[in-house]
Amino acid sequence: MKYFGILALALVACVAVSNAQSNNMSWGSIGPGDSLLDRQIISKPSKWLRIVTQDYTFPPPGSVQNRLITGIRVTDQYTNGKGGYASLYAGGPGYNSVTIHLKSQRSQGFKFIVEIFGR
């Protein structure tokens, strides 16, 4: 019975640690010949009982970009597990454009660093 209590306590500690992590995402692969095409810090404040969203598009509307995207890295700056989520909406690695949908948790804001690599 003593070992069961220790095992249960260890399991609870593991679950607590796994819930308090950033929600980082990456797509594709970033190689030694790739260069940074764009880097943006995107943040939105929280709204009470709401989920806030924003779409990030590269290249910006109205501009032309002929380089091929090889990798995308989205880094969540909220390290307490209350940050947002990023999902690939259109384009991405293998294309010359991308749209990423950024979404917060309810009643939370978000702050992401979005980096686009290509050649």
PDB file of N, CA and C in Angstrom:
ATOM      1  N   MET A   1       0.819  -1.189   0.000  1.00  0.00           N
ATOM      2  CA  MET A   1       0.000   0.000   0.000  1.00  0.00           C
ATOM      3  C   MET A   1       0.865   1.256   0.000  1.00  0.00           C
ATOM      4  N   LYS A   2       2.007   1.182   0.692  1.00  0.00           N
ATOM      5  CA  LYS A   2       2.920   2.313   0.746  1.00  0.00           C
ATOM      6  C   LYS A   2       3.423   2.654  -0.656  1.00  0.00           C
ATOM      7  N   TYR A   3       3.747   1.625  -1.445  1.00  0.00           N
ATOM      8  CA  TYR A   3       4.252   1.850  -2.801  1.00  0.00           C
ATOM      9  C   TYR A   3       3.167   2.409  -3.717  1.00  0.00           C
ATOM     10  N   PHE A   4       1.926   2.028  -3.483  1.00  0.00           N
ATOM     11  CA  PHE A   4       0.818   2.561  -4.286  1.00  0.00           C
ATOM     12  C   PHE A   4       0.680   4.071  -4.080  1.00  0.00           C
ATOM     13  N   GLY A   5       0.836   4.530  -2.857  1.00  0.00           N
ATOM     14  CA  GLY A   5       0.755   5.967  -2.557  1.00  0.00           C
ATOM     15  C   GLY A   5       1.874   6.744  -3.233  1.00  0.00           C
ATOM     16  N   ILE A   6       3.082   6.190  -3.206  1.00  0.00           N
ATOM     17  CA  ILE A   6       4.219   6.842  -3.867  1.00  0.00           C
ATOM     18  C   ILE A   6       4.010   6.872  -5.374  1.00  0.00           C
ATOM     19  N   LEU A   7       3.517   5.767  -5.932  1.00  0.00           N
ATOM     20  CA  LEU A   7       3.258   5.706  -7.369  1.00  0.00           C
ATOM     21  C   LEU A   7       2.179   6.707  -7.779  1.00  0.00           C
ATOM     22  N   ALA A   8       1.126   6.815  -6.984  1.00  0.00           N
ATOM     23  CA  ALA A   8       0.052   7.772  -7.292  1.00  0.00           C
ATOM     24  C   ALA A   8       0.570   9.208  -7.223  1.00  0.00           C
ATOM     25  N   LEU A   9       1.400   9.513  -6.239  1.00  0.00           N
ATOM     26  CA  LEU A   9       1.974  10.851  -6.114  1.00  0.00           C
ATOM     27  C   LEU A   9       2.884  11.173  -7.302  1.00  0.00           C
ATOM     28  N   ALA A  10       3.680  10.209  -7.734  1.00  0.00           N
ATOM     29  CA  ALA A  10       4.555  10.414  -8.894  1.00  0.00           C
ATOM     30  C   ALA A  10       3.738  10.634 -10.161  1.00  0.00           C
ATOM     31  N   LEU A  11       2.648   9.908 -10.314  1.00  0.00           N
ATOM     32  CA  LEU A  11       1.785  10.065 -11.485  1.00  0.00           C
ATOM     33  C   LEU A  11       1.145  11.452 -11.515  1.00  0.00           C
ATOM     34  N   VAL A  12       0.680  11.926 -10.374  1.00  0.00           N
ATOM     35  CA  VAL A  12       0.084  13.266 -10.298  1.00  0.00           C
ATOM     36  C   VAL A  12       1.129  14.327 -10.631  1.00  0.00           C
ATOM     37  N   ALA A  13       2.353  14.154 -10.159  1.00  0.00           N
ATOM     38  CA  ALA A  13       3.420  15.120 -10.451  1.00  0.00           C
ATOM     39  C   ALA A  13       3.738  15.146 -11.939  1.00  0.00           C
ATOM     40  N   CYS A  14       3.754  13.992 -12.598  1.00  0.00           N
ATOM     41  CA  CYS A  14       4.017  13.935 -14.045  1.00  0.00           C
ATOM     42  C   CYS A  14       2.915  14.628 -14.832  1.00  0.00           C
ATOM     43  N   VAL A  15       1.676  14.422 -14.450  1.00  0.00           N
ATOM     44  CA  VAL A  15       0.557  15.062 -15.144  1.00  0.00           C
ATOM     45  C   VAL A  15       0.617  16.572 -14.947  1.00  0.00           C
ATOM     46  N   ALA A  16       0.951  17.029 -13.757  1.00  0.00           N
ATOM     47  CA  ALA A  16       1.036  18.471 -13.489  1.00  0.00           C
ATOM     48  C   ALA A  16       2.141  19.111 -14.315  1.00  0.00           C
ATOM     49  N   VAL A  17       3.275  18.435 -14.456  1.00  0.00           N
ATOM     50  CA  VAL A  17       4.381  18.968 -15.248  1.00  0.00           C
ATOM     51  C   VAL A  17       4.013  18.997 -16.722  1.00  0.00           C
ATOM     52  N   SER A  18       3.344  17.961 -17.225  1.00  0.00           N
ATOM     53  CA  SER A  18       3.006  17.927 -18.646  1.00  0.00           C
ATOM     54  C   SER A  18       1.954  18.966 -19.008  1.00  0.00           C
ATOM     55  N   ASN A  19       1.121  19.387 -18.074  1.00  0.00           N
ATOM     56  CA  ASN A  19       0.108  20.401 -18.347  1.00  0.00           C
ATOM     57  C   ASN A  19       0.674  21.814 -18.338  1.00  0.00           C
ATOM     58  N   ALA A  20       1.855  22.018 -17.786  1.00  0.00           N
ATOM     59  CA  ALA A  20       2.429  23.356 -17.666  1.00  0.00           C
ATOM     60  C   ALA A  20       3.537  23.564 -18.689  1.00  0.00           C
ATOM     61  N   GLN A  21       3.262  23.251 -19.947  1.00  0.00           N
ATOM     62  CA  GLN A  21       4.265  23.401 -20.985  1.00  0.00           C
ATOM     63  C   GLN A  21       3.767  24.330 -22.068  1.00  0.00           C
ATOM     64  N   SER A  22       4.702  24.819 -22.854  1.00  0.00           N
ATOM     65  CA  SER A  22       4.365  25.667 -23.994  1.00  0.00           C
ATOM     66  C   SER A  22       3.766  24.828 -25.111  1.00  0.00           C
ATOM     67  N   ASN A  23       3.021  25.492 -25.980  1.00  0.00           N
ATOM     68  CA  ASN A  23       2.399  24.824 -27.119  1.00  0.00           C
ATOM     69  C   ASN A  23       3.141  25.215 -28.393  1.00  0.00           C
ATOM     70  N   ASN A  24       4.387  24.776 -28.509  1.00  0.00           N
ATOM     71  CA  ASN A  24       5.208  25.089 -29.675  1.00  0.00           C
ATOM     72  C   ASN A  24       4.857  24.162 -30.829  1.00  0.00           C
ATOM     73  N   MET A  25       4.994  24.681 -32.054  1.00  0.00           N
ATOM     74  CA  MET A  25       4.726  23.879 -33.252  1.00  0.00           C
ATOM     75  C   MET A  25       5.837  24.111 -34.263  1.00  0.00           C
ATOM     76  N   SER A  26       6.094  23.095 -35.079  1.00  0.00           N
ATOM     77  CA  SER A  26       7.019  23.259 -36.199  1.00  0.00           C
ATOM     78  C   SER A  26       6.563  22.358 -37.331  1.00  0.00           C
ATOM     79  N   TRP A  27       6.775  22.844 -38.546  1.00  0.00           N
ATOM     80  CA  TRP A  27       6.435  22.097 -39.747  1.00  0.00           C
ATOM     81  C   TRP A  27       7.625  22.142 -40.684  1.00  0.00           C
ATOM     82  N   GLY A  28       7.864  21.050 -41.408  1.00  0.00           N
ATOM     83  CA  GLY A  28       8.989  20.988 -42.335  1.00  0.00           C
ATOM     84  C   GLY A  28      10.287  20.780 -41.592  1.00  0.00           C
ATOM     85  N   SER A  29      11.392  21.062 -42.280  1.00  0.00           N
ATOM     86  CA  SER A  29      12.708  20.936 -41.655  1.00  0.00           C
ATOM     87  C   SER A  29      13.563  22.129 -42.061  1.00  0.00           C
ATOM     88  N   ILE A  30      14.364  22.575 -41.124  1.00  0.00           N
ATOM     89  CA  ILE A  30      15.227  23.729 -41.338  1.00  0.00           C
ATOM     90  C   ILE A  30      16.646  23.211 -41.506  1.00  0.00           C
ATOM     91  N   GLY A  31      17.196  23.384 -42.700  1.00  0.00           N
ATOM     92  CA  GLY A  31      18.524  22.875 -43.010  1.00  0.00           C
ATOM     93  C   GLY A  31      19.589  23.950 -42.936  1.00  0.00           C
ATOM     94  N   PRO A  32      20.868  23.543 -43.085  1.00  0.00           N
ATOM     95  CA  PRO A  32      21.970  24.506 -42.980  1.00  0.00           C
ATOM     96  C   PRO A  32      21.978  25.550 -44.099  1.00  0.00           C
ATOM     97  N   GLY A  33      21.386  25.258 -45.255  1.00  0.00           N
ATOM     98  CA  GLY A  33      21.366  26.222 -46.351  1.00  0.00           C
ATOM     99  C   GLY A  33      20.158  27.138 -46.349  1.00  0.00           C
ATOM    100  N   ASP A  34      19.288  26.984 -45.366  1.00  0.00           N
ATOM    101  CA  ASP A  34      18.064  27.788 -45.311  1.00  0.00           C
ATOM    102  C   ASP A  34      18.333  29.143 -44.661  1.00  0.00           C
ATOM    103  N   SER A  35      17.562  30.116 -45.054  1.00  0.00           N
ATOM    104  CA  SER A  35      17.683  31.443 -44.446  1.00  0.00           C
ATOM    105  C   SER A  35      16.338  31.847 -43.850  1.00  0.00           C
ATOM    106  N   LEU A  36      16.405  32.765 -42.917  1.00  0.00           N
ATOM    107  CA  LEU A  36      15.199  33.259 -42.257  1.00  0.00           C
ATOM    108  C   LEU A  36      14.507  34.234 -43.200  1.00  0.00           C
ATOM    109  N   LEU A  37      13.302  33.884 -43.645  1.00  0.00           N
ATOM    110  CA  LEU A  37      12.543  34.734 -44.558  1.00  0.00           C
ATOM    111  C   LEU A  37      11.717  35.770 -43.812  1.00  0.00           C
ATOM    112  N   ASP A  38      11.210  35.404 -42.645  1.00  0.00           N
ATOM    113  CA  ASP A  38      10.389  36.333 -41.874  1.00  0.00           C
ATOM    114  C   ASP A  38      10.368  35.900 -40.416  1.00  0.00           C
ATOM    115  N   ARG A  39      10.298  36.875 -39.528  1.00  0.00           N
ATOM    116  CA  ARG A  39      10.182  36.616 -38.086  1.00  0.00           C
ATOM    117  C   ARG A  39       9.259  37.681 -37.519  1.00  0.00           C
ATOM    118  N   GLN A  40       8.178  37.242 -36.896  1.00  0.00           N
ATOM    119  CA  GLN A  40       7.193  38.157 -36.330  1.00  0.00           C
ATOM    120  C   GLN A  40       6.858  37.737 -34.905  1.00  0.00           C
ATOM    121  N   ILE A  41       6.647  38.719 -34.056  1.00  0.00           N
ATOM    122  CA  ILE A  41       6.110  38.471 -32.717  1.00  0.00           C
ATOM    123  C   ILE A  41       4.654  38.903 -32.766  1.00  0.00           C
ATOM    124  N   ILE A  42       3.763  37.944 -32.546  1.00  0.00           N
ATOM    125  CA  ILE A  42       2.329  38.197 -32.667  1.00  0.00           C
ATOM    126  C   ILE A  42       1.684  37.956 -31.307  1.00  0.00           C
ATOM    127  N   SER A  43       0.992  38.962 -30.808  1.00  0.00           N
ATOM    128  CA  SER A  43       0.332  38.813 -29.507  1.00  0.00           C
ATOM    129  C   SER A  43      -1.049  39.453 -29.555  1.00  0.00           C
ATOM    130  N   LYS A  44      -1.918  38.912 -28.741  1.00  0.00           N
ATOM    131  CA  LYS A  44      -3.268  39.461 -28.575  1.00  0.00           C
ATOM    132  C   LYS A  44      -3.619  39.369 -27.098  1.00  0.00           C
ATOM    133  N   PRO A  45      -4.244  40.406 -26.561  1.00  0.00           N
ATOM    134  CA  PRO A  45      -4.629  40.358 -25.147  1.00  0.00           C
ATOM    135  C   PRO A  45      -5.846  39.459 -24.934  1.00  0.00           C
ATOM    136  N   SER A  46      -6.026  39.076 -23.702  1.00  0.00           N
ATOM    137  CA  SER A  46      -7.161  38.210 -23.363  1.00  0.00           C
ATOM    138  C   SER A  46      -8.466  38.998 -23.393  1.00  0.00           C
ATOM    139  N   LYS A  47      -9.553  38.254 -23.567  1.00  0.00           N
ATOM    140  CA  LYS A  47     -10.909  38.796 -23.449  1.00  0.00           C
ATOM    141  C   LYS A  47     -11.670  37.848 -22.537  1.00  0.00           C
ATOM    142  N   TRP A  48     -12.369  38.401 -21.586  1.00  0.00           N
ATOM    143  CA  TRP A  48     -13.031  37.599 -20.575  1.00  0.00           C
ATOM    144  C   TRP A  48     -14.032  36.630 -21.198  1.00  0.00           C
ATOM    145  N   LEU A  49     -13.877  35.348 -20.874  1.00  0.00           N
ATOM    146  CA  LEU A  49     -14.716  34.243 -21.349  1.00  0.00           C
ATOM    147  C   LEU A  49     -14.751  34.117 -22.878  1.00  0.00           C
ATOM    148  N   ARG A  50     -13.745  34.611 -23.549  1.00  0.00           N
ATOM    149  CA  ARG A  50     -13.680  34.533 -25.010  1.00  0.00           C
ATOM    150  C   ARG A  50     -12.395  33.846 -25.442  1.00  0.00           C
ATOM    151  N   ILE A  51     -12.419  33.334 -26.658  1.00  0.00           N
ATOM    152  CA  ILE A  51     -11.235  32.802 -27.320  1.00  0.00           C
ATOM    153  C   ILE A  51     -10.837  33.820 -28.375  1.00  0.00           C
ATOM    154  N   VAL A  52      -9.589  34.285 -28.339  1.00  0.00           N
ATOM    155  CA  VAL A  52      -9.126  35.253 -29.330  1.00  0.00           C
ATOM    156  C   VAL A  52      -8.332  34.522 -30.411  1.00  0.00           C
ATOM    157  N   THR A  53      -8.471  34.978 -31.656  1.00  0.00           N
ATOM    158  CA  THR A  53      -7.792  34.347 -32.784  1.00  0.00           C
ATOM    159  C   THR A  53      -7.166  35.410 -33.675  1.00  0.00           C
ATOM    160  N   GLN A  54      -6.196  34.976 -34.459  1.00  0.00           N
ATOM    161  CA  GLN A  54      -5.594  35.834 -35.469  1.00  0.00           C
ATOM    162  C   GLN A  54      -4.940  34.944 -36.512  1.00  0.00           C
ATOM    163  N   ASP A  55      -5.046  35.328 -37.771  1.00  0.00           N
ATOM    164  CA  ASP A  55      -4.375  34.622 -38.853  1.00  0.00           C
ATOM    165  C   ASP A  55      -3.125  35.390 -39.247  1.00  0.00           C
ATOM    166  N   TYR A  56      -2.029  34.660 -39.431  1.00  0.00           N
ATOM    167  CA  TYR A  56      -0.765  35.230 -39.895  1.00  0.00           C
ATOM    168  C   TYR A  56      -0.529  34.715 -41.308  1.00  0.00           C
ATOM    169  N   THR A  57      -0.269  35.618 -42.245  1.00  0.00           N
ATOM    170  CA  THR A  57      -0.045  35.241 -43.637  1.00  0.00           C
ATOM    171  C   THR A  57       1.324  35.736 -44.087  1.00  0.00           C
ATOM    172  N   PHE A  58       2.082  34.840 -44.730  1.00  0.00           N
ATOM    173  CA  PHE A  58       3.363  35.195 -45.340  1.00  0.00           C
ATOM    174  C   PHE A  58       3.359  34.713 -46.774  1.00  0.00           C
ATOM    175  N   PRO A  59       3.735  35.530 -47.718  1.00  0.00           N
ATOM    176  CA  PRO A  59       4.080  36.945 -47.592  1.00  0.00           C
ATOM    177  C   PRO A  59       2.831  37.773 -47.357  1.00  0.00           C
ATOM    178  N   PRO A  60       3.007  38.997 -46.865  1.00  0.00           N
ATOM    179  CA  PRO A  60       1.838  39.852 -46.626  1.00  0.00           C
ATOM    180  C   PRO A  60       1.057  40.075 -47.915  1.00  0.00           C
ATOM    181  N   PRO A  61      -0.247  40.257 -47.822  1.00  0.00           N
ATOM    182  CA  PRO A  61      -1.049  40.493 -49.027  1.00  0.00           C
ATOM    183  C   PRO A  61      -0.504  41.676 -49.833  1.00  0.00           C
ATOM    184  N   GLY A  62      -0.423  41.479 -51.144  1.00  0.00           N
ATOM    185  CA  GLY A  62       0.080  42.521 -52.030  1.00  0.00           C
ATOM    186  C   GLY A  62       1.553  42.422 -52.348  1.00  0.00           C
ATOM    187  N   SER A  63       2.290  41.545 -51.664  1.00  0.00           N
ATOM    188  CA  SER A  63       3.710  41.379 -51.965  1.00  0.00           C
ATOM    189  C   SER A  63       3.947  40.005 -52.583  1.00  0.00           C
ATOM    190  N   VAL A  64       5.052  39.878 -53.303  1.00  0.00           N
ATOM    191  CA  VAL A  64       5.389  38.636 -53.997  1.00  0.00           C
ATOM    192  C   VAL A  64       6.629  38.039 -53.353  1.00  0.00           C
ATOM    193  N   GLN A  65       6.636  36.740 -53.200  1.00  0.00           N
ATOM    194  CA  GLN A  65       7.756  36.033 -52.586  1.00  0.00           C
ATOM    195  C   GLN A  65       8.003  34.787 -53.415  1.00  0.00           C
ATOM    196  N   ASN A  66       9.172  34.670 -54.044  1.00  0.00           N
ATOM    197  CA  ASN A  66       9.459  33.554 -54.948  1.00  0.00           C
ATOM    198  C   ASN A  66      10.277  32.443 -54.307  1.00  0.00           C
ATOM    199  N   ARG A  67      10.643  32.579 -53.059  1.00  0.00           N
ATOM    200  CA  ARG A  67      11.461  31.554 -52.408  1.00  0.00           C
ATOM    201  C   ARG A  67      10.562  30.465 -51.830  1.00  0.00           C
ATOM    202  N   LEU A  68      11.082  29.254 -51.807  1.00  0.00           N
ATOM    203  CA  LEU A  68      10.338  28.092 -51.324  1.00  0.00           C
ATOM    204  C   LEU A  68      10.479  27.978 -49.806  1.00  0.00           C
ATOM    205  N   ILE A  69       9.371  27.820 -49.117  1.00  0.00           N
ATOM    206  CA  ILE A  69       9.390  27.647 -47.660  1.00  0.00           C
ATOM    207  C   ILE A  69       9.816  26.214 -47.350  1.00  0.00           C
ATOM    208  N   THR A  70      10.815  26.070 -46.475  1.00  0.00           N
ATOM    209  CA  THR A  70      11.291  24.737 -46.090  1.00  0.00           C
ATOM    210  C   THR A  70      10.915  24.376 -44.659  1.00  0.00           C
ATOM    211  N   GLY A  71      10.754  25.372 -43.808  1.00  0.00           N
ATOM    212  CA  GLY A  71      10.424  25.094 -42.417  1.00  0.00           C
ATOM    213  C   GLY A  71       9.752  26.269 -41.745  1.00  0.00           C
ATOM    214  N   ILE A  72       8.902  25.951 -40.788  1.00  0.00           N
ATOM    215  CA  ILE A  72       8.175  26.963 -40.018  1.00  0.00           C
ATOM    216  C   ILE A  72       8.298  26.590 -38.550  1.00  0.00           C
ATOM    217  N   ARG A  73       8.611  27.588 -37.734  1.00  0.00           N
ATOM    218  CA  ARG A  73       8.701  27.364 -36.291  1.00  0.00           C
ATOM    219  C   ARG A  73       7.825  28.401 -35.590  1.00  0.00           C
ATOM    220  N   VAL A  74       6.889  27.933 -34.755  1.00  0.00           N
ATOM    221  CA  VAL A  74       6.009  28.809 -33.979  1.00  0.00           C
ATOM    222  C   VAL A  74       6.279  28.514 -32.504  1.00  0.00           C
ATOM    223  N   THR A  75       6.779  29.519 -31.784  1.00  0.00           N
ATOM    224  CA  THR A  75       7.171  29.346 -30.390  1.00  0.00           C
ATOM    225  C   THR A  75       6.199  30.091 -29.482  1.00  0.00           C
ATOM    226  N   ASP A  76       5.561  29.359 -28.592  1.00  0.00           N
ATOM    227  CA  ASP A  76       4.620  29.927 -27.621  1.00  0.00           C
ATOM    228  C   ASP A  76       5.419  30.584 -26.501  1.00  0.00           C
ATOM    229  N   GLN A  77       5.168  31.842 -26.233  1.00  0.00           N
ATOM    230  CA  GLN A  77       5.895  32.567 -25.200  1.00  0.00           C
ATOM    231  C   GLN A  77       5.261  32.429 -23.819  1.00  0.00           C
ATOM    232  N   TYR A  78       4.079  31.836 -23.732  1.00  0.00           N
ATOM    233  CA  TYR A  78       3.461  31.557 -22.435  1.00  0.00           C
ATOM    234  C   TYR A  78       3.929  30.167 -22.008  1.00  0.00           C
ATOM    235  N   THR A  79       4.824  30.100 -21.039  1.00  0.00           N
ATOM    236  CA  THR A  79       5.393  28.815 -20.634  1.00  0.00           C
ATOM    237  C   THR A  79       4.636  28.167 -19.484  1.00  0.00           C
ATOM    238  N   ASN A  80       3.516  28.755 -19.080  1.00  0.00           N
ATOM    239  CA  ASN A  80       2.763  28.220 -17.947  1.00  0.00           C
ATOM    240  C   ASN A  80       1.623  27.300 -18.370  1.00  0.00           C
ATOM    241  N   GLY A  81       1.557  26.942 -19.653  1.00  0.00           N
ATOM    242  CA  GLY A  81       0.495  26.071 -20.132  1.00  0.00           C
ATOM    243  C   GLY A  81      -0.780  26.805 -20.493  1.00  0.00           C
ATOM    244  N   LYS A  82      -0.802  28.125 -20.359  1.00  0.00           N
ATOM    245  CA  LYS A  82      -2.007  28.902 -20.658  1.00  0.00           C
ATOM    246  C   LYS A  82      -1.902  29.634 -21.988  1.00  0.00           C
ATOM    247  N   GLY A  83      -0.916  29.293 -22.791  1.00  0.00           N
ATOM    248  CA  GLY A  83      -0.742  29.943 -24.086  1.00  0.00           C
ATOM    249  C   GLY A  83      -1.735  29.433 -25.110  1.00  0.00           C
ATOM    250  N   GLY A  84      -1.519  29.830 -26.340  1.00  0.00           N
ATOM    251  CA  GLY A  84      -2.443  29.472 -27.404  1.00  0.00           C
ATOM    252  C   GLY A  84      -1.969  28.288 -28.219  1.00  0.00           C
ATOM    253  N   TYR A  85      -2.637  28.090 -29.342  1.00  0.00           N
ATOM    254  CA  TYR A  85      -2.346  26.988 -30.247  1.00  0.00           C
ATOM    255  C   TYR A  85      -2.179  27.533 -31.658  1.00  0.00           C
ATOM    256  N   ALA A  86      -1.304  26.911 -32.416  1.00  0.00           N
ATOM    257  CA  ALA A  86      -1.079  27.305 -33.805  1.00  0.00           C
ATOM    258  C   ALA A  86      -1.423  26.129 -34.701  1.00  0.00           C
ATOM    259  N   SER A  87      -2.092  26.420 -35.820  1.00  0.00           N
ATOM    260  CA  SER A  87      -2.398  25.372 -36.794  1.00  0.00           C
ATOM    261  C   SER A  87      -2.141  25.907 -38.194  1.00  0.00           C
ATOM    262  N   LEU A  88      -1.675  25.021 -39.046  1.00  0.00           N
ATOM    263  CA  LEU A  88      -1.376  25.367 -40.431  1.00  0.00           C
ATOM    264  C   LEU A  88      -2.684  25.389 -41.199  1.00  0.00           C
ATOM    265  N   TYR A  89      -3.014  26.529 -41.764  1.00  0.00           N
ATOM    266  CA  TYR A  89      -4.299  26.715 -42.437  1.00  0.00           C
ATOM    267  C   TYR A  89      -4.179  26.542 -43.949  1.00  0.00           C
ATOM    268  N   ALA A  90      -3.105  27.085 -44.554  1.00  0.00           N
ATOM    269  CA  ALA A  90      -2.903  26.970 -46.005  1.00  0.00           C
ATOM    270  C   ALA A  90      -1.422  27.097 -46.310  1.00  0.00           C
ATOM    271  N   GLY A  91      -0.981  26.441 -47.382  1.00  0.00           N
ATOM    272  CA  GLY A  91       0.417  26.525 -47.794  1.00  0.00           C
ATOM    273  C   GLY A  91       1.327  25.836 -46.806  1.00  0.00           C
ATOM    274  N   GLY A  92       2.551  26.357 -46.675  1.00  0.00           N
ATOM    275  CA  GLY A  92       3.505  25.795 -45.735  1.00  0.00           C
ATOM    276  C   GLY A  92       4.741  25.288 -46.432  1.00  0.00           C
ATOM    277  N   PRO A  93       5.467  24.349 -45.812  1.00  0.00           N
ATOM    278  CA  PRO A  93       6.676  23.812 -46.432  1.00  0.00           C
ATOM    279  C   PRO A  93       6.373  23.210 -47.807  1.00  0.00           C
ATOM    280  N   GLY A  94       7.213  23.559 -48.776  1.00  0.00           N
ATOM    281  CA  GLY A  94       6.996  23.108 -50.143  1.00  0.00           C
ATOM    282  C   GLY A  94       6.232  24.121 -50.983  1.00  0.00           C
ATOM    283  N   TYR A  95       5.725  25.155 -50.362  1.00  0.00           N
ATOM    284  CA  TYR A  95       5.000  26.233 -51.047  1.00  0.00           C
ATOM    285  C   TYR A  95       5.773  27.541 -50.859  1.00  0.00           C
ATOM    286  N   ASN A  96       5.343  28.588 -51.549  1.00  0.00           N
ATOM    287  CA  ASN A  96       5.993  29.884 -51.344  1.00  0.00           C
ATOM    288  C   ASN A  96       5.135  30.834 -50.506  1.00  0.00           C
ATOM    289  N   SER A  97       4.077  30.321 -49.896  1.00  0.00           N
ATOM    290  CA  SER A  97       3.239  31.128 -49.003  1.00  0.00           C
ATOM    291  C   SER A  97       2.685  30.233 -47.896  1.00  0.00           C
ATOM    292  N   VAL A  98       2.205  30.882 -46.841  1.00  0.00           N
ATOM    293  CA  VAL A  98       1.640  30.130 -45.722  1.00  0.00           C
ATOM    294  C   VAL A  98       0.638  31.012 -44.974  1.00  0.00           C
ATOM    295  N   THR A  99      -0.390  30.380 -44.442  1.00  0.00           N
ATOM    296  CA  THR A  99      -1.312  31.031 -43.512  1.00  0.00           C
ATOM    297  C   THR A  99      -1.391  30.159 -42.266  1.00  0.00           C
ATOM    298  N   ILE A 100      -1.137  30.764 -41.117  1.00  0.00           N
ATOM    299  CA  ILE A 100      -1.152  30.065 -39.832  1.00  0.00           C
ATOM    300  C   ILE A 100      -2.256  30.676 -38.975  1.00  0.00           C
ATOM    301  N   HIS A 101      -3.096  29.818 -38.401  1.00  0.00           N
ATOM    302  CA  HIS A 101      -4.191  30.262 -37.534  1.00  0.00           C
ATOM    303  C   HIS A 101      -3.720  30.162 -36.083  1.00  0.00           C
ATOM    304  N   LEU A 102      -3.746  31.274 -35.371  1.00  0.00           N
ATOM    305  CA  LEU A 102      -3.349  31.336 -33.967  1.00  0.00           C
ATOM    306  C   LEU A 102      -4.597  31.506 -33.112  1.00  0.00           C
ATOM    307  N   LYS A 103      -4.671  30.723 -32.036  1.00  0.00           N
ATOM    308  CA  LYS A 103      -5.886  30.686 -31.223  1.00  0.00           C
ATOM    309  C   LYS A 103      -5.505  30.575 -29.748  1.00  0.00           C
ATOM    310  N   SER A 104      -6.204  31.316 -28.896  1.00  0.00           N
ATOM    311  CA  SER A 104      -5.930  31.282 -27.459  1.00  0.00           C
ATOM    312  C   SER A 104      -6.825  30.265 -26.762  1.00  0.00           C
ATOM    313  N   GLN A 105      -6.529  30.024 -25.514  1.00  0.00           N
ATOM    314  CA  GLN A 105      -7.448  29.288 -24.662  1.00  0.00           C
ATOM    315  C   GLN A 105      -8.488  30.288 -24.144  1.00  0.00           C
ATOM    316  N   ARG A 106      -9.594  29.787 -23.671  1.00  0.00           N
ATOM    317  CA  ARG A 106     -10.676  30.663 -23.199  1.00  0.00           C
ATOM    318  C   ARG A 106     -10.181  31.566 -22.063  1.00  0.00           C
ATOM    319  N   SER A 107     -10.509  32.841 -22.155  1.00  0.00           N
ATOM    320  CA  SER A 107     -10.144  33.882 -21.180  1.00  0.00           C
ATOM    321  C   SER A 107      -8.639  34.123 -21.091  1.00  0.00           C
ATOM    322  N   GLN A 108      -7.903  33.710 -22.102  1.00  0.00           N
ATOM    323  CA  GLN A 108      -6.453  33.906 -22.125  1.00  0.00           C
ATOM    324  C   GLN A 108      -6.066  34.652 -23.399  1.00  0.00           C
ATOM    325  N   GLY A 109      -4.922  35.282 -23.374  1.00  0.00           N
ATOM    326  CA  GLY A 109      -4.346  35.881 -24.569  1.00  0.00           C
ATOM    327  C   GLY A 109      -3.294  34.939 -25.129  1.00  0.00           C
ATOM    328  N   PHE A 110      -2.523  35.420 -26.109  1.00  0.00           N
ATOM    329  CA  PHE A 110      -1.406  34.625 -26.604  1.00  0.00           C
ATOM    330  C   PHE A 110      -0.284  35.531 -27.067  1.00  0.00           C
ATOM    331  N   LYS A 111       0.909  34.946 -27.118  1.00  0.00           N
ATOM    332  CA  LYS A 111       2.086  35.624 -27.664  1.00  0.00           C
ATOM    333  C   LYS A 111       2.960  34.555 -28.303  1.00  0.00           C
ATOM    334  N   PHE A 112       3.134  34.670 -29.613  1.00  0.00           N
ATOM    335  CA  PHE A 112       3.915  33.704 -30.374  1.00  0.00           C
ATOM    336  C   PHE A 112       5.055  34.401 -31.104  1.00  0.00           C
ATOM    337  N   ILE A 113       6.143  33.676 -31.307  1.00  0.00           N
ATOM    338  CA  ILE A 113       7.180  34.079 -32.248  1.00  0.00           C
ATOM    339  C   ILE A 113       7.032  33.149 -33.444  1.00  0.00           C
ATOM    340  N   VAL A 114       6.773  33.717 -34.622  1.00  0.00           N
ATOM    341  CA  VAL A 114       6.600  32.939 -35.848  1.00  0.00           C
ATOM    342  C   VAL A 114       7.825  33.172 -36.722  1.00  0.00           C
ATOM    343  N   GLU A 115       8.496  32.081 -37.102  1.00  0.00           N
ATOM    344  CA  GLU A 115       9.685  32.162 -37.948  1.00  0.00           C
ATOM    345  C   GLU A 115       9.470  31.311 -39.190  1.00  0.00           C
ATOM    346  N   ILE A 116       9.731  31.902 -40.357  1.00  0.00           N
ATOM    347  CA  ILE A 116       9.583  31.229 -41.643  1.00  0.00           C
ATOM    348  C   ILE A 116      10.976  31.091 -42.254  1.00  0.00           C
ATOM    349  N   PHE A 117      11.356  29.857 -42.604  1.00  0.00           N
ATOM    350  CA  PHE A 117      12.656  29.588 -43.219  1.00  0.00           C
ATOM    351  C   PHE A 117      12.453  29.085 -44.640  1.00  0.00           C
ATOM    352  N   GLY A 118      13.405  29.378 -45.502  1.00  0.00           N
ATOM    353  CA  GLY A 118      13.302  28.908 -46.885  1.00  0.00           C
ATOM    354  C   GLY A 118      14.602  29.085 -47.634  1.00  0.00           C
ATOM    355  N   ARG A 119      14.544  28.702 -48.923  1.00  0.00           N
ATOM    356  CA  ARG A 119      15.710  28.877 -49.795  1.00  0.00           C
ATOM    357  C   ARG A 119      15.281  29.221 -51.184  1.00  0.00           C
TER     358      ARG A 119
END
